[in-house]
């Protein structure tokens, strides 16, 4: 592995790690609908503000979300909607695994 390949793989892993939490996947899916402030996401998730803020920080540091201050509130939105393509791919893998398991049980 070259140094460039290593750095590229590490960067990809950092982004995938940012998505590797159910709450963060939920946040990404909600941000696909519209921009949300922390208080709105806190209500949707049912967690405390500090926890939601930490999840948003992880997503922001990975470059998945951006923030914009509006008055006293900070609103978050997706930096790149293409992240939803990856989530769609995950759904395809889930369906294929279920189909494979069903075929296995029938044999």
N, C-alpha and C. Protein backbone atom coordinates (compact mmCIF):
# COMPACT_ATOMS: atom_id res chain seq x y z
N UNK A 1 0.86 -1.17 0.00
CA UNK A 1 0.00 0.00 0.00
C UNK A 1 0.91 1.24 0.00
N UNK A 2 0.65 2.12 -0.93
CA UNK A 2 1.43 3.36 -0.98
C UNK A 2 0.95 4.31 0.12
N UNK A 3 1.73 5.34 0.37
CA UNK A 3 1.36 6.33 1.37
C UNK A 3 0.06 7.04 0.97
N UNK A 4 -0.09 7.33 -0.31
CA UNK A 4 -1.30 7.98 -0.81
C UNK A 4 -2.53 7.07 -0.62
N UNK A 5 -2.37 5.78 -0.94
CA UNK A 5 -3.48 4.83 -0.75
C UNK A 5 -3.84 4.70 0.72
N UNK A 6 -2.83 4.70 1.56
CA UNK A 6 -3.07 4.61 3.00
C UNK A 6 -3.86 5.81 3.50
N UNK A 7 -3.45 7.01 3.09
CA UNK A 7 -4.15 8.23 3.52
C UNK A 7 -5.58 8.25 3.00
N UNK A 8 -5.78 7.82 1.75
CA UNK A 8 -7.13 7.78 1.18
C UNK A 8 -8.00 6.80 1.95
N UNK A 9 -7.45 5.63 2.27
CA UNK A 9 -8.21 4.63 3.03
C UNK A 9 -8.53 5.12 4.43
N UNK A 10 -7.59 5.80 5.06
CA UNK A 10 -7.83 6.34 6.40
C UNK A 10 -8.92 7.41 6.38
N UNK A 11 -8.91 8.25 5.36
CA UNK A 11 -9.94 9.28 5.23
C UNK A 11 -11.31 8.66 5.02
N UNK A 12 -11.36 7.65 4.17
CA UNK A 12 -12.63 6.94 3.94
C UNK A 12 -13.13 6.29 5.22
N UNK A 13 -12.21 5.67 5.96
CA UNK A 13 -12.59 5.01 7.21
C UNK A 13 -13.13 6.02 8.22
N UNK A 14 -12.55 7.22 8.27
CA UNK A 14 -13.02 8.26 9.19
C UNK A 14 -14.46 8.65 8.87
N UNK A 15 -14.77 8.76 7.59
CA UNK A 15 -16.13 9.11 7.18
C UNK A 15 -17.08 7.98 7.51
N UNK A 16 -16.68 6.74 7.22
CA UNK A 16 -17.54 5.60 7.53
C UNK A 16 -17.74 5.44 9.04
N UNK A 17 -16.71 5.71 9.82
CA UNK A 17 -16.85 5.65 11.28
C UNK A 17 -17.85 6.68 11.77
N UNK A 18 -17.87 7.85 11.13
CA UNK A 18 -18.82 8.89 11.53
C UNK A 18 -20.25 8.42 11.31
N UNK A 19 -20.46 7.57 10.32
CA UNK A 19 -21.80 7.05 10.04
C UNK A 19 -22.13 5.81 10.86
N UNK A 20 -21.15 5.27 11.56
CA UNK A 20 -21.32 3.99 12.24
C UNK A 20 -22.00 4.12 13.60
N UNK A 21 -23.09 4.85 13.64
CA UNK A 21 -23.90 4.96 14.87
C UNK A 21 -25.35 5.19 14.44
N UNK A 22 -26.28 4.46 15.04
CA UNK A 22 -27.69 4.59 14.63
C UNK A 22 -28.22 6.02 14.71
N UNK A 23 -27.84 6.75 15.74
CA UNK A 23 -28.33 8.12 15.87
C UNK A 23 -27.80 9.01 14.75
N UNK A 24 -26.54 8.82 14.38
CA UNK A 24 -25.97 9.64 13.32
C UNK A 24 -26.59 9.30 11.96
N UNK A 25 -26.90 8.04 11.73
CA UNK A 25 -27.60 7.68 10.49
C UNK A 25 -28.98 8.34 10.48
N UNK A 26 -29.67 8.30 11.61
CA UNK A 26 -30.97 8.96 11.72
C UNK A 26 -30.85 10.45 11.42
N UNK A 27 -29.83 11.08 11.97
CA UNK A 27 -29.64 12.52 11.73
C UNK A 27 -29.43 12.78 10.25
N UNK A 28 -28.60 12.00 9.61
CA UNK A 28 -28.35 12.17 8.16
C UNK A 28 -29.65 12.03 7.38
N UNK A 29 -30.44 11.03 7.72
CA UNK A 29 -31.72 10.84 7.02
C UNK A 29 -32.66 12.01 7.25
N UNK A 30 -32.71 12.54 8.47
CA UNK A 30 -33.57 13.70 8.75
C UNK A 30 -33.07 14.94 8.02
N UNK A 31 -31.76 15.13 7.97
CA UNK A 31 -31.21 16.30 7.29
C UNK A 31 -31.42 16.25 5.79
N UNK A 32 -31.72 15.08 5.28
CA UNK A 32 -32.08 14.97 3.86
C UNK A 32 -33.41 15.67 3.59
N UNK A 33 -34.27 15.72 4.60
CA UNK A 33 -35.59 16.35 4.47
C UNK A 33 -35.49 17.87 4.47
N UNK A 34 -34.69 18.40 5.41
CA UNK A 34 -34.54 19.85 5.57
C UNK A 34 -33.46 20.12 6.59
N UNK A 35 -33.11 21.39 6.76
CA UNK A 35 -32.17 21.78 7.80
C UNK A 35 -32.88 21.75 9.15
N UNK A 36 -32.14 21.36 10.17
CA UNK A 36 -32.68 21.31 11.52
C UNK A 36 -31.71 21.99 12.48
N UNK A 37 -32.27 22.61 13.52
CA UNK A 37 -31.42 23.11 14.60
C UNK A 37 -31.26 21.99 15.63
N UNK A 38 -30.30 22.17 16.52
CA UNK A 38 -30.02 21.15 17.54
C UNK A 38 -31.26 20.87 18.36
N UNK A 39 -32.01 21.91 18.72
CA UNK A 39 -33.19 21.70 19.57
C UNK A 39 -34.24 20.83 18.86
N UNK A 40 -34.42 21.01 17.57
CA UNK A 40 -35.37 20.18 16.83
C UNK A 40 -34.90 18.73 16.75
N UNK A 41 -33.61 18.55 16.47
CA UNK A 41 -33.06 17.18 16.42
C UNK A 41 -33.12 16.51 17.78
N UNK A 42 -32.88 17.28 18.83
CA UNK A 42 -32.96 16.74 20.19
C UNK A 42 -34.36 16.20 20.46
N UNK A 43 -35.38 16.94 20.05
CA UNK A 43 -36.76 16.49 20.25
C UNK A 43 -37.06 15.24 19.42
N UNK A 44 -36.56 15.20 18.19
CA UNK A 44 -36.81 14.04 17.33
C UNK A 44 -36.12 12.78 17.84
N UNK A 45 -34.93 12.96 18.36
CA UNK A 45 -34.12 11.81 18.80
C UNK A 45 -34.50 11.37 20.20
N UNK A 46 -34.88 12.33 21.04
CA UNK A 46 -35.22 11.99 22.42
C UNK A 46 -33.99 11.85 23.30
N UNK A 47 -32.94 12.57 22.96
CA UNK A 47 -31.72 12.56 23.77
C UNK A 47 -31.46 13.98 24.26
N UNK A 48 -30.50 14.12 25.14
CA UNK A 48 -30.20 15.48 25.63
C UNK A 48 -29.38 16.25 24.59
N UNK A 49 -29.40 17.55 24.72
CA UNK A 49 -28.76 18.43 23.74
C UNK A 49 -27.27 18.16 23.59
N UNK A 50 -26.59 17.88 24.69
CA UNK A 50 -25.14 17.65 24.60
C UNK A 50 -24.83 16.39 23.79
N UNK A 51 -25.65 15.37 23.91
CA UNK A 51 -25.44 14.14 23.15
C UNK A 51 -25.66 14.39 21.66
N UNK A 52 -26.74 15.09 21.32
CA UNK A 52 -27.03 15.40 19.93
C UNK A 52 -25.94 16.30 19.35
N UNK A 53 -25.49 17.26 20.12
CA UNK A 53 -24.41 18.14 19.67
C UNK A 53 -23.13 17.36 19.39
N UNK A 54 -22.84 16.38 20.21
CA UNK A 54 -21.65 15.54 20.00
C UNK A 54 -21.79 14.77 18.68
N UNK A 55 -22.95 14.19 18.44
CA UNK A 55 -23.17 13.46 17.19
C UNK A 55 -23.01 14.39 15.98
N UNK A 56 -23.56 15.59 16.09
CA UNK A 56 -23.43 16.56 15.00
C UNK A 56 -21.97 16.96 14.79
N UNK A 57 -21.23 17.07 15.86
CA UNK A 57 -19.81 17.41 15.77
C UNK A 57 -19.04 16.33 15.03
N UNK A 58 -19.34 15.07 15.32
CA UNK A 58 -18.68 13.96 14.63
C UNK A 58 -18.99 14.01 13.13
N UNK A 59 -20.26 14.23 12.80
CA UNK A 59 -20.66 14.32 11.39
C UNK A 59 -20.02 15.52 10.71
N UNK A 60 -19.95 16.63 11.41
CA UNK A 60 -19.35 17.85 10.84
C UNK A 60 -17.86 17.66 10.61
N UNK A 61 -17.16 17.08 11.58
CA UNK A 61 -15.72 16.85 11.46
C UNK A 61 -15.39 15.90 10.31
N UNK A 62 -16.32 15.02 9.98
CA UNK A 62 -16.13 14.10 8.86
C UNK A 62 -16.50 14.75 7.53
N UNK A 63 -17.05 15.97 7.58
CA UNK A 63 -17.43 16.66 6.36
C UNK A 63 -18.78 16.27 5.82
N UNK A 64 -19.59 15.61 6.64
CA UNK A 64 -20.90 15.13 6.19
C UNK A 64 -22.01 16.16 6.37
N UNK A 65 -21.86 17.04 7.35
CA UNK A 65 -22.85 18.08 7.58
C UNK A 65 -22.17 19.44 7.67
N UNK A 66 -22.94 20.47 7.39
CA UNK A 66 -22.48 21.85 7.55
C UNK A 66 -23.45 22.55 8.48
N UNK A 67 -22.98 23.62 9.08
CA UNK A 67 -23.86 24.38 9.98
C UNK A 67 -23.93 25.83 9.53
N UNK A 68 -25.04 26.46 9.89
CA UNK A 68 -25.27 27.86 9.56
C UNK A 68 -25.99 28.51 10.72
N UNK A 69 -25.44 29.60 11.21
CA UNK A 69 -26.05 30.31 12.32
C UNK A 69 -27.16 31.22 11.80
N UNK A 70 -28.34 31.09 12.41
CA UNK A 70 -29.49 31.94 12.09
C UNK A 70 -30.01 32.50 13.40
N UNK A 71 -29.67 33.76 13.66
CA UNK A 71 -30.03 34.35 14.95
C UNK A 71 -29.23 33.67 16.04
N UNK A 72 -29.94 33.16 17.04
CA UNK A 72 -29.26 32.48 18.14
C UNK A 72 -29.17 30.97 17.92
N UNK A 73 -29.81 30.47 16.87
CA UNK A 73 -29.83 29.03 16.60
C UNK A 73 -28.82 28.66 15.52
N UNK A 74 -28.32 27.44 15.60
CA UNK A 74 -27.43 26.90 14.58
C UNK A 74 -28.20 25.79 13.86
N UNK A 75 -28.29 25.91 12.54
CA UNK A 75 -28.99 24.92 11.73
C UNK A 75 -27.99 24.07 10.98
N UNK A 76 -28.31 22.78 10.92
CA UNK A 76 -27.44 21.82 10.26
C UNK A 76 -28.11 21.29 9.01
N UNK A 77 -27.30 21.04 7.99
CA UNK A 77 -27.79 20.44 6.76
C UNK A 77 -26.70 19.52 6.20
N UNK A 78 -27.09 18.69 5.25
CA UNK A 78 -26.12 17.78 4.64
C UNK A 78 -25.14 18.56 3.77
N UNK A 79 -23.88 18.20 3.85
CA UNK A 79 -22.87 18.81 3.00
C UNK A 79 -22.94 18.20 1.60
N UNK A 80 -23.25 16.92 1.54
CA UNK A 80 -23.33 16.18 0.27
C UNK A 80 -24.47 15.17 0.37
N UNK A 81 -25.46 15.34 -0.46
CA UNK A 81 -26.59 14.40 -0.44
C UNK A 81 -26.20 13.00 -0.91
N UNK A 82 -25.05 12.87 -1.53
CA UNK A 82 -24.63 11.56 -2.04
C UNK A 82 -24.43 10.54 -0.93
N UNK A 83 -24.30 10.99 0.31
CA UNK A 83 -24.18 10.05 1.42
C UNK A 83 -25.41 9.15 1.50
N UNK A 84 -26.53 9.64 1.00
CA UNK A 84 -27.75 8.84 0.98
C UNK A 84 -27.65 7.69 -0.02
N UNK A 85 -26.82 7.84 -1.05
CA UNK A 85 -26.58 6.74 -1.98
C UNK A 85 -25.94 5.57 -1.24
N UNK A 86 -25.01 5.90 -0.35
CA UNK A 86 -24.36 4.85 0.44
C UNK A 86 -25.37 4.17 1.36
N UNK A 87 -26.22 4.95 1.99
CA UNK A 87 -27.24 4.37 2.87
C UNK A 87 -28.19 3.50 2.05
N UNK A 88 -28.52 3.93 0.84
CA UNK A 88 -29.34 3.11 -0.06
C UNK A 88 -28.65 1.81 -0.40
N UNK A 89 -27.34 1.87 -0.59
CA UNK A 89 -26.58 0.65 -0.86
C UNK A 89 -26.65 -0.31 0.33
N UNK A 90 -26.56 0.24 1.53
CA UNK A 90 -26.67 -0.58 2.74
C UNK A 90 -28.03 -1.28 2.77
N UNK A 91 -29.09 -0.56 2.40
CA UNK A 91 -30.43 -1.16 2.36
C UNK A 91 -30.48 -2.31 1.36
N UNK A 92 -29.80 -2.15 0.24
CA UNK A 92 -29.75 -3.22 -0.76
C UNK A 92 -29.04 -4.45 -0.20
N UNK A 93 -27.95 -4.25 0.51
CA UNK A 93 -27.24 -5.37 1.13
C UNK A 93 -28.13 -6.06 2.15
N UNK A 94 -28.89 -5.29 2.94
CA UNK A 94 -29.80 -5.88 3.93
C UNK A 94 -30.82 -6.76 3.23
N UNK A 95 -31.44 -6.24 2.16
CA UNK A 95 -32.45 -7.03 1.42
C UNK A 95 -31.85 -8.30 0.84
N UNK A 96 -30.66 -8.21 0.26
CA UNK A 96 -30.01 -9.39 -0.31
C UNK A 96 -29.70 -10.42 0.76
N UNK A 97 -29.26 -9.95 1.93
CA UNK A 97 -28.97 -10.87 3.04
C UNK A 97 -30.24 -11.58 3.50
N UNK A 98 -31.34 -10.86 3.57
CA UNK A 98 -32.61 -11.47 3.97
C UNK A 98 -33.04 -12.51 2.93
N UNK A 99 -32.94 -12.15 1.66
CA UNK A 99 -33.30 -13.09 0.59
C UNK A 99 -32.43 -14.34 0.66
N UNK A 100 -31.13 -14.17 0.89
CA UNK A 100 -30.22 -15.31 1.00
C UNK A 100 -30.61 -16.18 2.19
N UNK A 101 -30.92 -15.55 3.33
CA UNK A 101 -31.29 -16.31 4.52
C UNK A 101 -32.58 -17.07 4.31
N UNK A 102 -33.54 -16.47 3.61
CA UNK A 102 -34.80 -17.16 3.32
C UNK A 102 -34.55 -18.36 2.42
N UNK A 103 -33.73 -18.18 1.39
CA UNK A 103 -33.39 -19.31 0.50
C UNK A 103 -32.69 -20.42 1.27
N UNK A 104 -31.81 -20.05 2.19
CA UNK A 104 -31.09 -21.03 2.99
C UNK A 104 -32.05 -21.81 3.88
N UNK A 105 -33.04 -21.14 4.47
CA UNK A 105 -33.99 -21.80 5.36
C UNK A 105 -34.91 -22.75 4.60
N UNK A 106 -35.15 -22.46 3.32
CA UNK A 106 -36.03 -23.31 2.52
C UNK A 106 -35.34 -24.58 2.05
N UNK A 107 -34.02 -24.63 2.11
CA UNK A 107 -33.31 -25.82 1.64
C UNK A 107 -33.06 -26.80 2.74
